[in-house]
Amino acid sequence: MTANLWKIAGVSLVALVAAAACNEAAETPAPAPAPEAAAPAAPATPDYAALLAQPDRLPADTARDASRKSVEVLAFSKIMPGQTVFEMEAGGGYFTDLLSRAVGPTGKVIMQGPKEFESFYKADIDAHVGNNRLPNVTVSQTMFDKLEAPDASVDVVTWFQGPHELYCKKECGDLPMGEPTAVFAEISRILKPGGYFVIIDHAAAPGAPTTTGNDLHRIDPMQVKALATAANFALDEESSLLANAADDHTKGVFDDSIRGKTDQFLLRYRKPG
């Protein structure tokens, strides 16, 4: 009898210990998961108007701000701090200066133009980038089908008032600007997937032949759109910001009656990916 009691007591004790362990496990909260690392904050959109107001800009540039509608163009181009921008046919550097300020010290601007065009702009180029005035800008002198940038290394490519040059032959000295399809493929090569390609040019009349690129320094927007589509760019937005309905498209862009007031188209394409 006593032995049986001890057996029963032993079994009960084991059950009590097990039950206590279960209760303790149930009452102990599971450890909280480790917090996920916060994603880095996206850079703030620059105050483009404030960039234009900076006192060290060149007086010749500030005089052109209104006609260029630069605040709106920069915003349309989605230029952000830290980006690498490849500026095709940068000319004397009006937009180079603004792009340099918009991308900031952590960004980079590649100021491209054919060596053969340098004589038209040398004084302006020197005024903008000479003496390391814009330290985040490098100058690249190549034709349009040989862009100096690694594959998928650029956030934004701009080509302001430029694509018509591909058809500027005799007027531009019969230079080998590059076969248009190859040029647009080269732009795609250097642009990152998801990056933007922003185009401004002087509009020719709808249906006009590409020879207007030589004769009037204009181009039918549909010619440019066809090249961009063939290069697998996706149209992201089109703007009438620089349009001028009073321009009848019959005069060359250097004609005094229309110079600085031409009807211009503004396109932003995106590289898929």
C-alpha atoms as a PDB file:
ATOM      1  CA  MET A   1       0.000   0.000   0.000  1.00  0.00           C
ATOM      2  CA  THR A   2       2.750   2.407   0.959  1.00  0.00           C
ATOM      3  CA  ALA A   3       4.667   1.553  -2.209  1.00  0.00           C
ATOM      4  CA  ASN A   4       1.619   2.274  -4.317  1.00  0.00           C
ATOM      5  CA  LEU A   5       1.172   5.628  -2.622  1.00  0.00           C
ATOM      6  CA  TRP A   6       4.773   6.540  -3.367  1.00  0.00           C
ATOM      7  CA  LYS A   7       4.302   5.560  -7.032  1.00  0.00           C
ATOM      8  CA  ILE A   8       1.169   7.683  -7.261  1.00  0.00           C
ATOM      9  CA  ALA A   9       2.911  10.587  -5.563  1.00  0.00           C
ATOM     10  CA  GLY A  10       5.889  10.276  -7.909  1.00  0.00           C
ATOM     11  CA  VAL A  11       3.672  10.333 -10.995  1.00  0.00           C
ATOM     12  CA  SER A  12       1.792  13.344  -9.648  1.00  0.00           C
ATOM     13  CA  LEU A  13       5.029  15.204  -8.975  1.00  0.00           C
ATOM     14  CA  VAL A  14       6.247  14.598 -12.515  1.00  0.00           C
ATOM     15  CA  ALA A  15       2.913  15.839 -13.868  1.00  0.00           C
ATOM     16  CA  LEU A  16       3.074  18.960 -11.731  1.00  0.00           C
ATOM     17  CA  VAL A  17       6.616  19.741 -12.903  1.00  0.00           C
ATOM     18  CA  ALA A  18       5.615  19.242 -16.526  1.00  0.00           C
ATOM     19  CA  ALA A  19       2.544  21.413 -16.130  1.00  0.00           C
ATOM     20  CA  ALA A  20       4.578  24.162 -14.493  1.00  0.00           C
ATOM     21  CA  ALA A  21       7.079  24.039 -17.347  1.00  0.00           C
ATOM     22  CA  CYS A  22       4.279  24.327 -19.890  1.00  0.00           C
ATOM     23  CA  ASN A  23       2.764  27.285 -18.051  1.00  0.00           C
ATOM     24  CA  GLU A  24       6.140  28.984 -17.879  1.00  0.00           C
ATOM     25  CA  ALA A  25       6.684  28.456 -21.614  1.00  0.00           C
ATOM     26  CA  ALA A  26       3.228  29.817 -22.362  1.00  0.00           C
ATOM     27  CA  GLU A  27       3.783  32.889 -20.221  1.00  0.00           C
ATOM     28  CA  THR A  28       7.216  33.709 -21.689  1.00  0.00           C
ATOM     29  CA  PRO A  29       6.742  36.055 -24.684  1.00  0.00           C
ATOM     30  CA  ALA A  30       8.505  35.188 -27.911  1.00  0.00           C
ATOM     31  CA  PRO A  31      11.480  37.420 -28.631  1.00  0.00           C
ATOM     32  CA  ALA A  32      10.610  40.381 -30.843  1.00  0.00           C
ATOM     33  CA  PRO A  33      11.966  40.190 -34.396  1.00  0.00           C
ATOM     34  CA  ALA A  34      14.974  42.351 -35.111  1.00  0.00           C
ATOM     35  CA  PRO A  35      13.920  45.678 -36.642  1.00  0.00           C
ATOM     36  CA  GLU A  36      14.471  45.954 -40.372  1.00  0.00           C
ATOM     37  CA  ALA A  37      17.051  48.456 -41.501  1.00  0.00           C
ATOM     38  CA  ALA A  38      15.341  51.641 -42.639  1.00  0.00           C
ATOM     39  CA  ALA A  39      15.593  52.344 -46.357  1.00  0.00           C
ATOM     40  CA  PRO A  40      17.751  55.385 -47.117  1.00  0.00           C
ATOM     41  CA  ALA A  41      15.666  58.505 -47.558  1.00  0.00           C
ATOM     42  CA  ALA A  42      15.259  59.693 -51.128  1.00  0.00           C
ATOM     43  CA  PRO A  43      17.073  62.970 -51.789  1.00  0.00           C
ATOM     44  CA  ALA A  44      14.882  66.027 -51.637  1.00  0.00           C
ATOM     45  CA  THR A  45      13.918  67.609 -54.943  1.00  0.00           C
ATOM     46  CA  PRO A  46      16.102  70.670 -55.466  1.00  0.00           C
ATOM     47  CA  ASP A  47      14.668  74.149 -55.286  1.00  0.00           C
ATOM     48  CA  TYR A  48      15.383  74.868 -58.933  1.00  0.00           C
ATOM     49  CA  ALA A  49      14.370  78.521 -58.644  1.00  0.00           C
ATOM     50  CA  ALA A  50      16.904  78.977 -55.850  1.00  0.00           C
ATOM     51  CA  LEU A  51      19.607  77.508 -58.099  1.00  0.00           C
ATOM     52  CA  LEU A  52      18.902  80.177 -60.689  1.00  0.00           C
ATOM     53  CA  ALA A  53      19.093  82.864 -58.016  1.00  0.00           C
ATOM     54  CA  GLN A  54      22.616  81.990 -56.870  1.00  0.00           C
ATOM     55  CA  PRO A  55      24.800  85.098 -57.159  1.00  0.00           C
ATOM     56  CA  ASP A  56      27.833  83.464 -58.776  1.00  0.00           C
ATOM     57  CA  ARG A  57      26.028  82.628 -62.023  1.00  0.00           C
ATOM     58  CA  LEU A  58      27.260  84.381 -65.151  1.00  0.00           C
ATOM     59  CA  PRO A  59      25.297  87.530 -66.111  1.00  0.00           C
ATOM     60  CA  ALA A  60      25.001  86.289 -69.695  1.00  0.00           C
ATOM     61  CA  ASP A  61      23.211  83.206 -68.377  1.00  0.00           C
ATOM     62  CA  THR A  62      20.771  84.977 -66.093  1.00  0.00           C
ATOM     63  CA  ALA A  63      19.698  87.139 -69.038  1.00  0.00           C
ATOM     64  CA  ARG A  64      18.528  83.969 -70.827  1.00  0.00           C
ATOM     65  CA  ASP A  65      16.620  82.368 -67.962  1.00  0.00           C
ATOM     66  CA  ALA A  66      13.170  83.636 -68.883  1.00  0.00           C
ATOM     67  CA  SER A  67      13.265  82.509 -72.518  1.00  0.00           C
ATOM     68  CA  ARG A  68      14.781  79.140 -71.610  1.00  0.00           C
ATOM     69  CA  LYS A  69      12.148  78.483 -68.891  1.00  0.00           C
ATOM     70  CA  SER A  70      14.936  76.750 -67.050  1.00  0.00           C
ATOM     71  CA  VAL A  71      13.174  76.084 -63.741  1.00  0.00           C
ATOM     72  CA  GLU A  72      10.433  74.184 -65.524  1.00  0.00           C
ATOM     73  CA  VAL A  73      12.870  72.372 -67.837  1.00  0.00           C
ATOM     74  CA  LEU A  74      14.967  71.158 -64.900  1.00  0.00           C
ATOM     75  CA  ALA A  75      11.860  69.961 -63.084  1.00  0.00           C
ATOM     76  CA  PHE A  76      10.576  68.204 -66.216  1.00  0.00           C
ATOM     77  CA  SER A  77      13.975  66.519 -66.599  1.00  0.00           C
ATOM     78  CA  LYS A  78      13.772  65.220 -63.001  1.00  0.00           C
ATOM     79  CA  ILE A  79      17.332  66.275 -62.213  1.00  0.00           C
ATOM     80  CA  MET A  80      18.173  65.232 -58.651  1.00  0.00           C
ATOM     81  CA  PRO A  81      21.159  65.498 -56.273  1.00  0.00           C
ATOM     82  CA  GLY A  82      23.749  62.771 -56.660  1.00  0.00           C
ATOM     83  CA  GLN A  83      22.841  61.893 -60.233  1.00  0.00           C
ATOM     84  CA  THR A  84      25.153  61.453 -63.185  1.00  0.00           C
ATOM     85  CA  VAL A  85      23.889  63.529 -66.107  1.00  0.00           C
ATOM     86  CA  PHE A  86      25.247  63.190 -69.631  1.00  0.00           C
ATOM     87  CA  GLU A  87      24.605  66.476 -71.417  1.00  0.00           C
ATOM     88  CA  MET A  88      24.781  65.917 -75.163  1.00  0.00           C
ATOM     89  CA  GLU A  89      25.740  68.887 -77.311  1.00  0.00           C
ATOM     90  CA  ALA A  90      26.160  71.136 -74.320  1.00  0.00           C
ATOM     91  CA  GLY A  91      27.169  74.147 -76.395  1.00  0.00           C
ATOM     92  CA  GLY A  92      28.687  76.939 -74.352  1.00  0.00           C
ATOM     93  CA  GLY A  93      27.455  75.613 -71.025  1.00  0.00           C
ATOM     94  CA  TYR A  94      24.281  77.501 -70.118  1.00  0.00           C
ATOM     95  CA  PHE A  95      22.499  74.364 -68.927  1.00  0.00           C
ATOM     96  CA  THR A  96      25.762  72.751 -67.815  1.00  0.00           C
ATOM     97  CA  ASP A  97      26.005  75.338 -65.038  1.00  0.00           C
ATOM     98  CA  LEU A  98      22.457  74.623 -63.839  1.00  0.00           C
ATOM     99  CA  LEU A  99      22.805  70.854 -64.097  1.00  0.00           C
ATOM    100  CA  SER A 100      26.015  71.044 -62.072  1.00  0.00           C
ATOM    101  CA  ARG A 101      24.220  72.901 -59.291  1.00  0.00           C
ATOM    102  CA  ALA A 102      21.204  70.591 -59.380  1.00  0.00           C
ATOM    103  CA  VAL A 103      23.166  67.337 -58.996  1.00  0.00           C
ATOM    104  CA  GLY A 104      25.351  68.883 -56.303  1.00  0.00           C
ATOM    105  CA  PRO A 105      28.788  67.852 -55.068  1.00  0.00           C
ATOM    106  CA  THR A 106      27.902  64.145 -54.993  1.00  0.00           C
ATOM    107  CA  GLY A 107      26.692  64.220 -58.594  1.00  0.00           C
ATOM    108  CA  LYS A 108      28.437  64.455 -61.928  1.00  0.00           C
ATOM    109  CA  VAL A 109      27.808  66.163 -65.274  1.00  0.00           C
ATOM    110  CA  ILE A 110      29.499  65.104 -68.506  1.00  0.00           C
ATOM    111  CA  MET A 111      29.506  68.050 -70.901  1.00  0.00           C
ATOM    112  CA  GLN A 112      29.629  66.565 -74.388  1.00  0.00           C
ATOM    113  CA  GLY A 113      30.106  68.166 -77.773  1.00  0.00           C
ATOM    114  CA  PRO A 114      32.018  67.394 -80.957  1.00  0.00           C
ATOM    115  CA  LYS A 115      35.547  68.792 -81.010  1.00  0.00           C
ATOM    116  CA  GLU A 116      34.686  70.357 -84.350  1.00  0.00           C
ATOM    117  CA  PHE A 117      32.010  72.533 -82.676  1.00  0.00           C
ATOM    118  CA  GLU A 118      34.420  73.923 -80.093  1.00  0.00           C
ATOM    119  CA  SER A 119      35.317  77.017 -82.112  1.00  0.00           C
ATOM    120  CA  PHE A 120      31.714  78.227 -81.865  1.00  0.00           C
ATOM    121  CA  TYR A 121      31.650  78.010 -78.065  1.00  0.00           C
ATOM    122  CA  LYS A 122      35.200  78.022 -76.729  1.00  0.00           C
ATOM    123  CA  ALA A 123      34.981  81.333 -74.879  1.00  0.00           C
ATOM    124  CA  ASP A 124      31.683  80.337 -73.266  1.00  0.00           C
ATOM    125  CA  ILE A 125      32.967  76.881 -72.324  1.00  0.00           C
ATOM    126  CA  ASP A 126      36.038  78.419 -70.695  1.00  0.00           C
ATOM    127  CA  ALA A 127      33.867  80.912 -68.802  1.00  0.00           C
ATOM    128  CA  HIS A 128      31.676  78.127 -67.428  1.00  0.00           C
ATOM    129  CA  VAL A 129      34.161  75.379 -66.589  1.00  0.00           C
ATOM    130  CA  GLY A 130      37.599  77.024 -66.732  1.00  0.00           C
ATOM    131  CA  ASN A 131      39.729  77.161 -63.581  1.00  0.00           C
ATOM    132  CA  ASN A 132      37.702  74.299 -62.086  1.00  0.00           C
ATOM    133  CA  ARG A 133      34.700  76.600 -61.675  1.00  0.00           C
ATOM    134  CA  LEU A 134      32.324  73.610 -61.796  1.00  0.00           C
ATOM    135  CA  PRO A 135      34.346  70.800 -60.186  1.00  0.00           C
ATOM    136  CA  ASN A 136      31.714  68.112 -60.809  1.00  0.00           C
ATOM    137  CA  VAL A 137      31.760  68.702 -64.588  1.00  0.00           C
ATOM    138  CA  THR A 138      33.980  66.901 -67.095  1.00  0.00           C
ATOM    139  CA  VAL A 139      34.237  67.823 -70.779  1.00  0.00           C
ATOM    140  CA  SER A 140      33.929  65.118 -73.444  1.00  0.00           C
ATOM    141  CA  GLN A 141      34.641  65.945 -77.090  1.00  0.00           C
ATOM    142  CA  THR A 142      33.250  63.168 -79.268  1.00  0.00           C
ATOM    143  CA  MET A 143      30.732  62.637 -82.019  1.00  0.00           C
ATOM    144  CA  PHE A 144      27.253  61.509 -81.070  1.00  0.00           C
ATOM    145  CA  ASP A 145      27.774  57.828 -81.851  1.00  0.00           C
ATOM    146  CA  LYS A 146      30.790  57.478 -79.529  1.00  0.00           C
ATOM    147  CA  LEU A 147      29.717  58.711 -76.108  1.00  0.00           C
ATOM    148  CA  GLU A 148      32.334  58.563 -73.372  1.00  0.00           C
ATOM    149  CA  ALA A 149      30.515  56.785 -70.558  1.00  0.00           C
ATOM    150  CA  PRO A 150      30.404  53.144 -69.389  1.00  0.00           C
ATOM    151  CA  ASP A 151      27.378  50.973 -70.042  1.00  0.00           C
ATOM    152  CA  ALA A 152      24.369  51.758 -67.823  1.00  0.00           C
ATOM    153  CA  SER A 153      26.258  54.437 -65.873  1.00  0.00           C
ATOM    154  CA  VAL A 154      24.105  57.532 -66.438  1.00  0.00           C
ATOM    155  CA  ASP A 155      20.871  58.573 -64.682  1.00  0.00           C
ATOM    156  CA  VAL A 156      19.750  61.216 -67.178  1.00  0.00           C
ATOM    157  CA  VAL A 157      20.790  62.019 -70.743  1.00  0.00           C
ATOM    158  CA  THR A 158      19.807  65.456 -72.015  1.00  0.00           C
ATOM    159  CA  TRP A 159      19.910  66.594 -75.622  1.00  0.00           C
ATOM    160  CA  PHE A 160      18.730  70.165 -75.758  1.00  0.00           C
ATOM    161  CA  GLN A 161      18.205  71.723 -79.205  1.00  0.00           C
ATOM    162  CA  GLY A 162      20.269  68.957 -80.717  1.00  0.00           C
ATOM    163  CA  PRO A 163      18.863  65.931 -82.571  1.00  0.00           C
ATOM    164  CA  HIS A 164      18.436  67.917 -85.795  1.00  0.00           C
ATOM    165  CA  GLU A 165      22.247  68.075 -85.966  1.00  0.00           C
ATOM    166  CA  LEU A 166      22.269  64.447 -87.107  1.00  0.00           C
ATOM    167  CA  TYR A 167      20.952  65.727 -90.433  1.00  0.00           C
ATOM    168  CA  CYS A 168      23.068  68.863 -90.602  1.00  0.00           C
ATOM    169  CA  LYS A 169      25.427  67.970 -93.443  1.00  0.00           C
ATOM    170  CA  LYS A 170      26.703  70.720 -95.742  1.00  0.00           C
ATOM    171  CA  GLU A 171      25.734  73.468 -93.277  1.00  0.00           C
ATOM    172  CA  CYS A 172      27.807  71.738 -90.594  1.00  0.00           C
ATOM    173  CA  GLY A 173      30.816  70.932 -92.762  1.00  0.00           C
ATOM    174  CA  ASP A 174      29.829  67.382 -93.737  1.00  0.00           C
ATOM    175  CA  LEU A 175      30.954  66.077 -90.365  1.00  0.00           C
ATOM    176  CA  PRO A 176      30.353  62.413 -89.477  1.00  0.00           C
ATOM    177  CA  MET A 177      27.804  63.118 -86.740  1.00  0.00           C
ATOM    178  CA  GLY A 178      26.784  59.467 -86.565  1.00  0.00           C
ATOM    179  CA  GLU A 179      24.079  57.366 -88.151  1.00  0.00           C
ATOM    180  CA  PRO A 180      20.846  58.307 -86.315  1.00  0.00           C
ATOM    181  CA  THR A 181      19.811  54.766 -85.322  1.00  0.00           C
ATOM    182  CA  ALA A 182      23.299  54.066 -84.000  1.00  0.00           C
ATOM    183  CA  VAL A 183      23.314  57.333 -82.050  1.00  0.00           C
ATOM    184  CA  PHE A 184      20.073  56.527 -80.249  1.00  0.00           C
ATOM    185  CA  ALA A 185      21.352  53.018 -79.512  1.00  0.00           C
ATOM    186  CA  GLU A 186      24.464  54.591 -77.999  1.00  0.00           C
ATOM    187  CA  ILE A 187      22.330  56.790 -75.770  1.00  0.00           C
ATOM    188  CA  SER A 188      20.474  53.687 -74.603  1.00  0.00           C
ATOM    189  CA  ARG A 189      23.791  51.947 -73.918  1.00  0.00           C
ATOM    190  CA  ILE A 190      25.043  54.525 -71.423  1.00  0.00           C
ATOM    191  CA  LEU A 191      21.688  55.079 -69.696  1.00  0.00           C
ATOM    192  CA  LYS A 192      20.749  53.074 -66.610  1.00  0.00           C
ATOM    193  CA  PRO A 193      17.568  50.979 -66.745  1.00  0.00           C
ATOM    194  CA  GLY A 194      14.827  53.285 -65.507  1.00  0.00           C
ATOM    195  CA  GLY A 195      16.861  56.357 -66.459  1.00  0.00           C
ATOM    196  CA  TYR A 196      15.541  59.318 -68.439  1.00  0.00           C
ATOM    197  CA  PHE A 197      16.370  60.700 -71.858  1.00  0.00           C
ATOM    198  CA  VAL A 198      15.170  64.306 -72.226  1.00  0.00           C
ATOM    199  CA  ILE A 199      14.988  66.000 -75.624  1.00  0.00           C
ATOM    200  CA  ILE A 200      14.402  69.585 -76.727  1.00  0.00           C
ATOM    201  CA  ASP A 201      14.575  70.693 -80.342  1.00  0.00           C
ATOM    202  CA  HIS A 202      13.281  73.269 -82.779  1.00  0.00           C
ATOM    203  CA  ALA A 203      10.155  71.932 -84.472  1.00  0.00           C
ATOM    204  CA  ALA A 204       9.860  71.651 -88.239  1.00  0.00           C
ATOM    205  CA  ALA A 205       6.493  71.458 -89.973  1.00  0.00           C
ATOM    206  CA  PRO A 206       4.683  68.116 -89.605  1.00  0.00           C
ATOM    207  CA  GLY A 207       5.842  65.727 -92.294  1.00  0.00           C
ATOM    208  CA  ALA A 208       8.923  67.808 -93.138  1.00  0.00           C
ATOM    209  CA  PRO A 209      11.922  65.824 -94.459  1.00  0.00           C
ATOM    210  CA  THR A 210      15.009  65.387 -92.325  1.00  0.00           C
ATOM    211  CA  THR A 211      16.847  67.830 -94.600  1.00  0.00           C
ATOM    212  CA  THR A 212      15.330  70.609 -92.466  1.00  0.00           C
ATOM    213  CA  GLY A 213      18.026  69.663 -89.960  1.00  0.00           C
ATOM    214  CA  ASN A 214      20.492  71.206 -92.371  1.00  0.00           C
ATOM    215  CA  ASP A 215      18.437  73.900 -94.072  1.00  0.00           C
ATOM    216  CA  LEU A 216      16.520  75.339 -91.093  1.00  0.00           C
ATOM    217  CA  HIS A 217      18.161  73.637 -88.099  1.00  0.00           C
ATOM    218  CA  ARG A 218      14.777  72.143 -87.243  1.00  0.00           C
ATOM    219  CA  ILE A 219      13.267  68.666 -87.203  1.00  0.00           C
ATOM    220  CA  ASP A 220       9.779  67.195 -87.292  1.00  0.00           C
ATOM    221  CA  PRO A 221       9.125  65.820 -83.777  1.00  0.00           C
ATOM    222  CA  MET A 222       7.797  62.600 -85.300  1.00  0.00           C
ATOM    223  CA  GLN A 223      11.249  61.895 -86.751  1.00  0.00           C
ATOM    224  CA  VAL A 224      12.749  62.027 -83.253  1.00  0.00           C
ATOM    225  CA  LYS A 225       9.941  59.996 -81.726  1.00  0.00           C
ATOM    226  CA  ALA A 226      10.425  57.262 -84.314  1.00  0.00           C
ATOM    227  CA  LEU A 227      14.129  57.003 -83.491  1.00  0.00           C
ATOM    228  CA  ALA A 228      13.459  56.891 -79.754  1.00  0.00           C
ATOM    229  CA  THR A 229      10.805  54.201 -80.146  1.00  0.00           C
ATOM    230  CA  ALA A 230      13.088  52.118 -82.368  1.00  0.00           C
ATOM    231  CA  ALA A 231      15.741  52.314 -79.621  1.00  0.00           C
ATOM    232  CA  ASN A 232      13.186  50.847 -77.175  1.00  0.00           C
ATOM    233  CA  PHE A 233      12.650  54.025 -75.177  1.00  0.00           C
ATOM    234  CA  ALA A 234       9.195  54.523 -73.667  1.00  0.00           C
ATOM    235  CA  LEU A 235       7.642  57.990 -73.870  1.00  0.00           C
ATOM    236  CA  ASP A 236       7.178  59.138 -70.274  1.00  0.00           C
ATOM    237  CA  GLU A 237       5.859  62.659 -70.837  1.00  0.00           C
ATOM    238  CA  GLU A 238       5.527  65.287 -73.551  1.00  0.00           C
ATOM    239  CA  SER A 239       5.253  68.991 -72.761  1.00  0.00           C
ATOM    240  CA  SER A 240       4.149  72.111 -74.638  1.00  0.00           C
ATOM    241  CA  LEU A 241       6.197  74.277 -72.276  1.00  0.00           C
ATOM    242  CA  LEU A 242       8.384  75.632 -75.093  1.00  0.00           C
ATOM    243  CA  ALA A 243       5.770  75.654 -77.843  1.00  0.00           C
ATOM    244  CA  ASN A 244       5.062  78.789 -79.869  1.00  0.00           C
ATOM    245  CA  ALA A 245       2.027  78.690 -82.146  1.00  0.00           C
ATOM    246  CA  ALA A 246       3.143  81.929 -83.814  1.00  0.00           C
ATOM    247  CA  ASP A 247       6.155  80.170 -85.362  1.00  0.00           C
ATOM    248  CA  ASP A 248       5.190  79.013 -88.867  1.00  0.00           C
ATOM    249  CA  HIS A 249       8.240  76.687 -89.104  1.00  0.00           C
ATOM    250  CA  THR A 250       9.408  78.213 -92.392  1.00  0.00           C
ATOM    251  CA  LYS A 251      12.332  80.269 -91.095  1.00  0.00           C
ATOM    252  CA  GLY A 252      15.733  79.131 -89.957  1.00  0.00           C
ATOM    253  CA  VAL A 253      16.273  79.271 -86.214  1.00  0.00           C
ATOM    254  CA  PHE A 254      18.890  82.018 -86.599  1.00  0.00           C
ATOM    255  CA  ASP A 255      16.505  84.331 -88.454  1.00  0.00           C
ATOM    256  CA  ASP A 256      16.251  87.519 -86.389  1.00  0.00           C
ATOM    257  CA  SER A 257      12.444  87.454 -86.550  1.00  0.00           C
ATOM    258  CA  ILE A 258      12.230  84.106 -84.731  1.00  0.00           C
ATOM    259  CA  ARG A 259      15.570  83.559 -83.000  1.00  0.00           C
ATOM    260  CA  GLY A 260      15.032  82.680 -79.346  1.00  0.00           C
ATOM    261  CA  LYS A 261      11.300  82.276 -79.923  1.00  0.00           C
ATOM    262  CA  THR A 262      11.065  79.136 -82.035  1.00  0.00           C
ATOM    263  CA  ASP A 263       8.398  76.506 -81.535  1.00  0.00           C
ATOM    264  CA  GLN A 264      10.199  73.783 -79.593  1.00  0.00           C
ATOM    265  CA  PHE A 265       9.128  70.329 -78.473  1.00  0.00           C
ATOM    266  CA  LEU A 266      10.041  68.816 -75.115  1.00  0.00           C
ATOM    267  CA  LEU A 267      10.034  65.046 -74.572  1.00  0.00           C
ATOM    268  CA  ARG A 268      11.025  62.800 -71.687  1.00  0.00           C
ATOM    269  CA  TYR A 269      11.682  59.140 -72.425  1.00  0.00           C
ATOM    270  CA  ARG A 270      12.419  56.339 -69.996  1.00  0.00           C
ATOM    271  CA  LYS A 271      14.690  53.375 -70.580  1.00  0.00           C
ATOM    272  CA  PRO A 272      12.752  50.222 -69.549  1.00  0.00           C
ATOM    273  CA  GLY A 273      14.087  48.157 -66.686  1.00  0.00           C
END
